[in-house]
């Protein structure tokens, strides 16, 4: 079988899987009728998150809360006080009830919720629902106790005997070896194009921080002109240095291909949080809550934060990306890695916003599948 035939089969498989995922997402629309119970900003936040994400397939039938005179939650519809929960459940027939923390868990709430649970209606904590809806963790609400006793965070790369980690590492090594073999001709073409386009080395080595806070040289095809006076690591401060070939390489992330060598060296996996520049490490460690948890896993060529958010361009946006990185670290699995890999390819194929130095609009282009757009935020670009 020829190289061209293998390439066409691979691309066809990815496209078919992407379309299947899209149809599955569409088919799930409007299945869940969600009732929100409990006052406070968490309930309002959850309502806004659900309302902004129709692709979740959730529709809020109403909110139930004890309101003070003149109080307005700012979202709705409000269906009544907590004591009316039994009648509201019968009237709205929710398929899911999400409960925000209440200062008083009265019998009038617990008994109807238990009855609904016994009838097969899922009862979900609002904090877990927000996490699942957004694909990120609210790091400002995380405490050391919740990290120690909560679910997730079970698969650290420090653990030597973990079958899931063995499987994900094996996937990374095999895929990296095959990738270097398959893309060898492309490596040669890219190297020649870089050499003809601008003076300088073909490969760019950048000091990054990986697992256990160990530094390593991340390999990339050079996409910028050399400049000893660059003001920072952020792309917005260095966009004028991007070469013609470099802009094209960044568009399709081909500049990242040499990182397959980093994978074989054991410094990276295919999937994981992107390794940050060593020059920013102490700043992020001091300023971003729970940043040290990133040290528990190998960094990746692609990751959940790259799919859901993209690039960051400052400390505030790096903090937002950390919420997605923590979600990945908490829920990591072989299936999650495979999902991220498929979505990464789909983003490269369908998402026109995938350009360096271009401010992204608040909406994806119309031809980008909605399941790719899920949760992605508008922002300027920065270093990967």
Protein backbone atom coordinates (compact mmCIF):
# COMPACT_ATOMS: atom_id res chain seq x y z
CA UNK A 1 0.00 0.00 0.00
CA UNK A 2 1.47 3.37 -1.01
CA UNK A 3 2.30 6.27 1.29
CA UNK A 4 -0.42 8.37 -0.40
CA UNK A 5 -3.05 5.69 0.15
CA UNK A 6 -2.17 5.37 3.83
CA UNK A 7 -2.35 9.14 4.25
CA UNK A 8 -5.76 9.31 2.57
CA UNK A 9 -7.10 6.48 4.72
CA UNK A 10 -5.85 8.19 7.89
CA UNK A 11 -7.42 11.54 6.98
CA UNK A 12 -10.68 9.84 5.97
CA UNK A 13 -10.85 8.01 9.30
CA UNK A 14 -10.36 11.24 11.26
CA UNK A 15 -13.03 13.07 9.24
CA UNK A 16 -15.54 10.23 9.67
CA UNK A 17 -14.90 10.12 13.41
CA UNK A 18 -15.27 13.89 13.61
CA UNK A 19 -18.61 13.75 11.81
CA UNK A 20 -19.79 10.93 14.07
CA UNK A 21 -18.94 12.96 17.15
CA UNK A 22 -20.76 15.94 15.69
CA UNK A 23 -23.90 13.90 14.99
CA UNK A 24 -23.74 12.42 18.48
CA UNK A 25 -23.58 15.89 19.97
CA UNK A 26 -26.53 17.06 17.89
CA UNK A 27 -28.61 14.00 18.75
CA UNK A 28 -28.21 14.67 22.49
CA UNK A 29 -29.71 18.17 22.26
CA UNK A 30 -32.69 18.92 24.55
CA UNK A 31 -32.59 15.53 26.28
CA UNK A 32 -31.93 16.93 29.75
CA UNK A 33 -34.55 19.01 31.56
CA UNK A 34 -32.62 20.56 34.43
CA UNK A 35 -34.05 21.97 37.66
CA UNK A 36 -31.73 24.18 39.72
CA UNK A 37 -32.24 24.21 43.49
CA UNK A 38 -30.62 26.63 45.92
CA UNK A 39 -29.85 30.35 46.13
CA UNK A 40 -26.65 32.21 45.69
CA UNK A 41 -24.17 33.14 42.96
CA UNK A 42 -23.35 29.49 42.20
CA UNK A 43 -26.89 28.81 40.98
CA UNK A 44 -26.88 31.94 38.85
CA UNK A 45 -23.43 31.06 37.48
CA UNK A 46 -24.58 27.57 36.57
CA UNK A 47 -27.69 28.92 34.83
CA UNK A 48 -25.55 31.25 32.72
CA UNK A 49 -23.10 28.47 31.83
CA UNK A 50 -25.91 26.16 30.71
CA UNK A 51 -27.66 28.93 28.79
CA UNK A 52 -24.41 29.81 26.97
CA UNK A 53 -23.72 26.19 25.98
CA UNK A 54 -26.66 24.74 24.02
CA UNK A 55 -24.38 21.95 22.80
CA UNK A 56 -24.55 20.43 26.30
CA UNK A 57 -28.11 19.31 25.60
CA UNK A 58 -29.32 20.81 28.91
CA UNK A 59 -32.38 23.06 29.23
CA UNK A 60 -33.14 24.73 32.56
CA UNK A 61 -36.84 24.39 33.40
CA UNK A 62 -36.48 26.76 36.36
CA UNK A 63 -34.85 27.70 39.63
CA UNK A 64 -36.07 27.05 43.14
CA UNK A 65 -34.85 29.30 45.97
CA UNK A 66 -35.97 31.11 49.12
CA UNK A 67 -35.74 34.77 48.17
CA UNK A 68 -35.83 37.76 50.45
CA UNK A 69 -38.33 40.49 49.66
CA UNK A 70 -37.14 42.36 46.60
CA UNK A 71 -34.31 39.90 45.90
CA UNK A 72 -33.67 39.02 42.27
CA UNK A 73 -31.33 36.22 41.22
CA UNK A 74 -30.82 37.90 37.86
CA UNK A 75 -31.69 34.71 36.00
CA UNK A 76 -34.82 32.66 35.68
CA UNK A 77 -37.48 31.48 35.58
CA UNK A 78 -37.93 31.40 39.37
CA UNK A 79 -40.49 28.73 40.28
CA UNK A 80 -40.95 29.34 43.99
CA UNK A 81 -39.46 28.74 47.46
CA UNK A 82 -37.75 25.53 48.53
CA UNK A 83 -40.85 24.18 50.28
CA UNK A 84 -42.60 23.95 46.89
CA UNK A 85 -40.02 21.45 45.61
CA UNK A 86 -42.37 18.40 45.57
CA UNK A 87 -45.00 20.22 43.48
CA UNK A 88 -42.36 21.71 41.16
CA UNK A 89 -40.80 18.29 40.51
CA UNK A 90 -44.23 16.86 39.65
CA UNK A 91 -45.08 19.83 37.41
CA UNK A 92 -41.78 20.16 35.52
CA UNK A 93 -40.73 16.47 35.39
CA UNK A 94 -36.98 17.25 35.39
CA UNK A 95 -34.54 14.63 34.15
CA UNK A 96 -31.79 16.09 36.34
CA UNK A 97 -31.77 18.18 39.54
CA UNK A 98 -28.72 20.27 40.40
CA UNK A 99 -28.42 21.44 43.99
CA UNK A 100 -26.29 24.37 45.12
CA UNK A 101 -24.95 24.29 48.71
CA UNK A 102 -27.64 25.39 51.16
CA UNK A 103 -27.02 26.86 54.58
CA UNK A 104 -29.98 24.89 55.88
CA UNK A 105 -30.73 21.46 54.45
CA UNK A 106 -34.32 21.13 55.68
CA UNK A 107 -36.52 18.07 55.54
CA UNK A 108 -38.68 19.83 52.92
CA UNK A 109 -35.70 19.65 50.54
CA UNK A 110 -34.10 16.33 51.40
CA UNK A 111 -37.19 14.16 51.25
CA UNK A 112 -38.40 15.29 47.78
CA UNK A 113 -34.84 15.00 46.45
CA UNK A 114 -34.58 11.47 47.81
CA UNK A 115 -37.93 10.55 46.27
CA UNK A 116 -36.77 11.91 42.90
CA UNK A 117 -33.50 10.03 43.21
CA UNK A 118 -35.36 6.77 43.85
CA UNK A 119 -37.41 7.43 40.69
CA UNK A 120 -34.18 7.53 38.70
CA UNK A 121 -33.66 11.30 38.50
CA UNK A 122 -29.95 12.15 38.97
CA UNK A 123 -29.26 14.58 41.83
CA UNK A 124 -26.01 16.46 41.20
CA UNK A 125 -23.92 18.87 43.25
CA UNK A 126 -23.70 22.31 41.62
CA UNK A 127 -19.91 22.45 41.91
CA UNK A 128 -19.54 19.18 40.02
CA UNK A 129 -22.12 20.27 37.45
CA UNK A 130 -20.29 23.53 36.74
CA UNK A 131 -17.04 21.60 36.37
CA UNK A 132 -18.62 19.16 33.92
CA UNK A 133 -20.40 21.89 31.95
CA UNK A 134 -17.33 24.10 31.54
CA UNK A 135 -14.59 21.47 31.34
CA UNK A 136 -12.50 23.37 33.90
CA UNK A 137 -12.01 23.63 37.66
CA UNK A 138 -12.81 26.69 39.73
CA UNK A 139 -9.33 26.99 41.25
CA UNK A 140 -10.43 29.79 43.58
CA UNK A 141 -12.79 27.29 45.27
CA UNK A 142 -10.26 24.46 45.55
CA UNK A 143 -8.86 23.79 49.00
CA UNK A 144 -6.07 21.42 50.00
CA UNK A 145 -8.72 19.28 51.73
CA UNK A 146 -10.82 18.98 48.55
CA UNK A 147 -7.73 17.98 46.57
CA UNK A 148 -6.85 15.32 49.14
CA UNK A 149 -10.29 13.79 49.65
CA UNK A 150 -12.20 14.58 46.43
CA UNK A 151 -12.49 12.42 43.37
CA UNK A 152 -9.91 12.45 40.62
CA UNK A 153 -6.20 13.34 40.76
CA UNK A 154 -5.41 9.61 40.88
CA UNK A 155 -3.02 9.34 37.95
CA UNK A 156 0.29 11.09 38.55
CA UNK A 157 3.26 10.26 36.34
CA UNK A 158 5.22 9.77 39.57
CA UNK A 159 3.38 6.47 40.02
CA UNK A 160 5.33 3.61 38.49
CA UNK A 161 2.63 0.91 38.57
CA UNK A 162 -0.43 2.44 36.98
CA UNK A 163 -1.92 0.57 34.03
CA UNK A 164 -3.67 3.68 32.67
CA UNK A 165 -0.43 5.66 32.69
CA UNK A 166 1.40 2.76 31.07
CA UNK A 167 -1.21 2.73 28.28
CA UNK A 168 -1.07 6.49 27.68
CA UNK A 169 2.74 6.44 27.70
CA UNK A 170 2.82 3.49 25.30
CA UNK A 171 0.41 5.35 23.00
CA UNK A 172 2.68 8.40 23.05
CA UNK A 173 5.87 6.44 22.33
CA UNK A 174 4.40 4.33 19.52
CA UNK A 175 2.67 7.31 17.90
CA UNK A 176 5.83 9.45 18.16
CA UNK A 177 7.98 6.75 16.54
CA UNK A 178 5.47 6.23 13.72
CA UNK A 179 5.06 9.98 13.33
CA UNK A 180 8.79 10.52 12.86
CA UNK A 181 8.82 7.78 10.26
CA UNK A 182 5.74 8.98 8.35
CA UNK A 183 6.63 12.69 8.47
CA UNK A 184 10.30 12.24 7.58
CA UNK A 185 9.78 13.55 3.99
CA UNK A 186 7.84 16.55 5.34
CA UNK A 187 10.67 17.30 7.79
CA UNK A 188 13.01 17.65 4.82
CA UNK A 189 10.67 19.96 2.91
CA UNK A 190 10.10 22.16 5.97
CA UNK A 191 13.83 22.36 6.70
CA UNK A 192 14.54 23.47 3.15
CA UNK A 193 11.75 26.08 3.23
CA UNK A 194 13.05 27.55 6.51
CA UNK A 195 16.61 27.70 5.16
CA UNK A 196 15.50 29.50 1.98
CA UNK A 197 13.13 31.90 3.74
CA UNK A 198 15.39 33.46 6.40
CA UNK A 199 18.85 33.11 7.92
CA UNK A 200 19.24 31.12 11.12
CA UNK A 201 19.00 27.59 12.46
CA UNK A 202 16.30 25.19 11.30
CA UNK A 203 15.41 24.02 14.79
CA UNK A 204 14.59 26.30 17.69
CA UNK A 205 15.41 25.10 21.21
CA UNK A 206 13.44 26.67 24.00
CA UNK A 207 14.01 26.00 27.69
CA UNK A 208 10.80 24.68 29.22
CA UNK A 209 9.70 23.22 32.57
CA UNK A 210 8.34 19.69 32.66
CA UNK A 211 7.48 16.95 35.16
CA UNK A 212 8.97 17.38 38.64
CA UNK A 213 9.83 20.96 37.59
CA UNK A 214 12.78 19.65 35.56
CA UNK A 215 13.92 21.86 32.71
CA UNK A 216 14.43 20.52 29.19
CA UNK A 217 14.97 21.85 25.67
CA UNK A 218 11.70 21.85 23.75
CA UNK A 219 12.29 21.41 20.01
CA UNK A 220 10.39 23.34 17.34
CA UNK A 221 10.94 24.36 13.77
CA UNK A 222 12.11 27.97 13.83
CA UNK A 223 9.28 30.36 12.89
CA UNK A 224 10.83 33.70 13.90
CA UNK A 225 13.84 35.78 12.97
CA UNK A 226 16.58 36.00 15.57
CA UNK A 227 16.35 39.10 17.76
CA UNK A 228 18.35 39.43 20.97
CA UNK A 229 16.19 42.37 22.09
CA UNK A 230 12.86 40.57 22.29
CA UNK A 231 10.91 42.08 25.21
CA UNK A 232 9.09 38.99 26.52
CA UNK A 233 7.95 35.43 25.84
CA UNK A 234 4.51 36.59 24.63
CA UNK A 235 3.85 36.38 20.91
CA UNK A 236 2.06 39.74 20.92
CA UNK A 237 5.46 41.30 21.69
CA UNK A 238 7.23 39.30 18.99
CA UNK A 239 4.68 39.01 16.17
CA UNK A 240 6.81 41.21 13.91
CA UNK A 241 9.52 38.53 14.00
CA UNK A 242 7.38 35.73 12.53
CA UNK A 243 8.63 34.73 9.08
CA UNK A 244 6.50 33.97 6.01
CA UNK A 245 7.18 30.24 6.31
CA UNK A 246 6.80 30.49 10.08
CA UNK A 247 3.29 31.89 9.83
CA UNK A 248 2.27 28.99 7.60
CA UNK A 249 3.90 26.44 9.93
CA UNK A 250 2.10 27.91 12.93
CA UNK A 251 -1.24 27.84 11.12
CA UNK A 252 -1.13 24.03 10.92
CA UNK A 253 1.09 23.52 14.02
CA UNK A 254 3.75 21.91 11.85
CA UNK A 255 6.38 23.77 13.85
CA UNK A 256 5.54 21.43 16.76
CA UNK A 257 6.49 18.22 14.89
CA UNK A 258 10.07 18.02 16.28
CA UNK A 259 8.52 17.57 19.73
CA UNK A 260 7.95 13.96 18.75
CA UNK A 261 11.65 13.65 19.66
CA UNK A 262 10.89 15.13 23.09
CA UNK A 263 8.23 12.44 23.48
CA UNK A 264 10.71 9.64 22.73
CA UNK A 265 13.18 11.17 25.18
CA UNK A 266 10.58 10.88 27.94
CA UNK A 267 10.28 14.63 28.46
CA UNK A 268 6.75 14.88 27.01
CA UNK A 269 3.64 12.91 26.09
CA UNK A 270 1.36 13.45 23.13
CA UNK A 271 -1.30 14.85 25.48
CA UNK A 272 -0.78 16.92 28.60
CA UNK A 273 -0.49 20.52 29.81
CA UNK A 274 1.75 22.55 27.54
CA UNK A 275 5.20 23.10 29.08
CA UNK A 276 5.78 26.71 30.07
CA UNK A 277 8.99 28.67 29.44
CA UNK A 278 11.48 28.35 32.29
CA UNK A 279 11.71 32.15 32.41
CA UNK A 280 8.04 32.36 33.48
CA UNK A 281 8.02 29.42 35.88
CA UNK A 282 8.57 31.30 39.15
CA UNK A 283 6.04 33.97 38.19
CA UNK A 284 3.35 31.36 37.50
CA UNK A 285 4.25 29.38 40.62
CA UNK A 286 3.81 32.48 42.81
CA UNK A 287 0.71 33.89 41.10
CA UNK A 288 -1.45 30.93 39.94
CA UNK A 289 -3.20 28.82 42.62
CA UNK A 290 -2.24 25.12 42.66
CA UNK A 291 0.21 25.64 39.80
CA UNK A 292 2.58 23.06 41.28
CA UNK A 293 0.08 20.29 40.40
CA UNK A 294 1.25 20.63 36.80
CA UNK A 295 4.56 19.11 37.90
CA UNK A 296 2.83 15.78 38.57
CA UNK A 297 2.33 14.97 34.87
CA UNK A 298 4.40 15.02 31.72
CA UNK A 299 3.65 18.03 29.52
CA UNK A 300 2.10 17.40 26.12
CA UNK A 301 2.29 18.47 22.50
CA UNK A 302 -1.43 19.15 22.71
CA UNK A 303 -3.80 19.33 25.64
CA UNK A 304 -7.28 20.04 26.97
CA UNK A 305 -6.49 23.72 27.56
CA UNK A 306 -5.34 24.10 23.95
CA UNK A 307 -8.64 22.65 22.71
CA UNK A 308 -10.93 24.55 25.05
CA UNK A 309 -9.07 27.87 25.27
CA UNK A 310 -6.16 28.12 22.87
CA UNK A 311 -3.22 30.43 23.51
CA UNK A 312 -2.81 32.80 26.45
CA UNK A 313 -1.41 36.30 26.33
CA UNK A 314 -0.76 37.32 29.90
CA UNK A 315 -0.98 36.15 33.48
CA UNK A 316 -4.77 36.46 33.70
CA UNK A 317 -5.26 34.25 30.66
CA UNK A 318 -2.65 31.77 31.88
CA UNK A 319 -4.66 31.50 35.10
CA UNK A 320 -7.79 30.75 33.06
CA UNK A 321 -5.93 28.06 31.12
CA UNK A 322 -4.81 26.55 34.42
CA UNK A 323 -8.47 25.79 35.19
CA UNK A 324 -8.58 23.55 32.10
CA UNK A 325 -5.18 21.99 32.86
CA UNK A 326 -6.39 21.03 36.34
CA UNK A 327 -9.55 19.52 34.87
CA UNK A 328 -7.38 17.35 32.63
CA UNK A 329 -5.07 16.32 35.48
CA UNK A 330 -8.08 15.43 37.62
CA UNK A 331 -9.88 13.38 34.96
CA UNK A 332 -7.05 12.08 32.79
CA UNK A 333 -7.55 8.70 31.16
CA UNK A 334 -6.67 6.91 27.95
CA UNK A 335 -10.09 7.71 26.48
CA UNK A 336 -9.71 11.39 27.43
CA UNK A 337 -6.32 11.48 25.67
CA UNK A 338 -7.78 9.91 22.53
CA UNK A 339 -10.64 12.40 22.56
CA UNK A 340 -8.19 15.32 22.82
CA UNK A 341 -6.12 13.96 19.92
CA UNK A 342 -9.20 13.70 17.67
CA UNK A 343 -10.37 17.19 18.66
CA UNK A 344 -6.89 18.59 18.02
CA UNK A 345 -6.95 17.32 14.45
CA UNK A 346 -10.49 18.60 14.01
CA UNK A 347 -9.51 22.07 15.25
CA UNK A 348 -6.64 22.17 12.76
CA UNK A 349 -8.97 21.16 9.93
CA UNK A 350 -12.07 23.21 10.73
CA UNK A 351 -11.23 26.15 13.00
CA UNK A 352 -10.17 29.27 11.07
CA UNK A 353 -9.26 31.01 14.34
CA UNK A 354 -6.24 28.74 14.55
CA UNK A 355 -3.82 31.51 13.54
CA UNK A 356 -0.99 33.13 15.47
CA UNK A 357 -1.22 36.87 16.04
CA UNK A 358 -4.90 37.13 15.07
CA UNK A 359 -7.40 38.26 17.69
CA UNK A 360 -10.15 35.71 17.81
CA UNK A 361 -13.79 36.70 17.46
CA UNK A 362 -16.45 35.86 20.01
CA UNK A 363 -17.88 33.21 17.68
CA UNK A 364 -16.33 30.46 15.64
CA UNK A 365 -16.62 30.68 11.90
CA UNK A 366 -19.90 29.28 10.66
CA UNK A 367 -18.29 26.27 9.06
CA UNK A 368 -16.55 25.14 12.23
CA UNK A 369 -18.45 22.27 13.91
CA UNK A 370 -20.17 23.31 17.14
CA UNK A 371 -18.58 20.49 19.13
CA UNK A 372 -15.16 22.03 18.36
CA UNK A 373 -16.29 25.42 19.60
CA UNK A 374 -17.46 24.07 22.93
CA UNK A 375 -15.99 26.21 25.68
CA UNK A 376 -13.38 28.03 23.59
CA UNK A 377 -12.86 31.65 24.59
CA UNK A 378 -11.96 34.78 22.59
CA UNK A 379 -8.52 36.21 23.31
CA UNK A 380 -5.26 37.23 21.74
CA UNK A 381 -2.57 34.67 21.10
CA UNK A 382 0.64 34.01 22.93
CA UNK A 383 3.36 31.44 23.32
CA UNK A 384 2.21 27.78 23.25
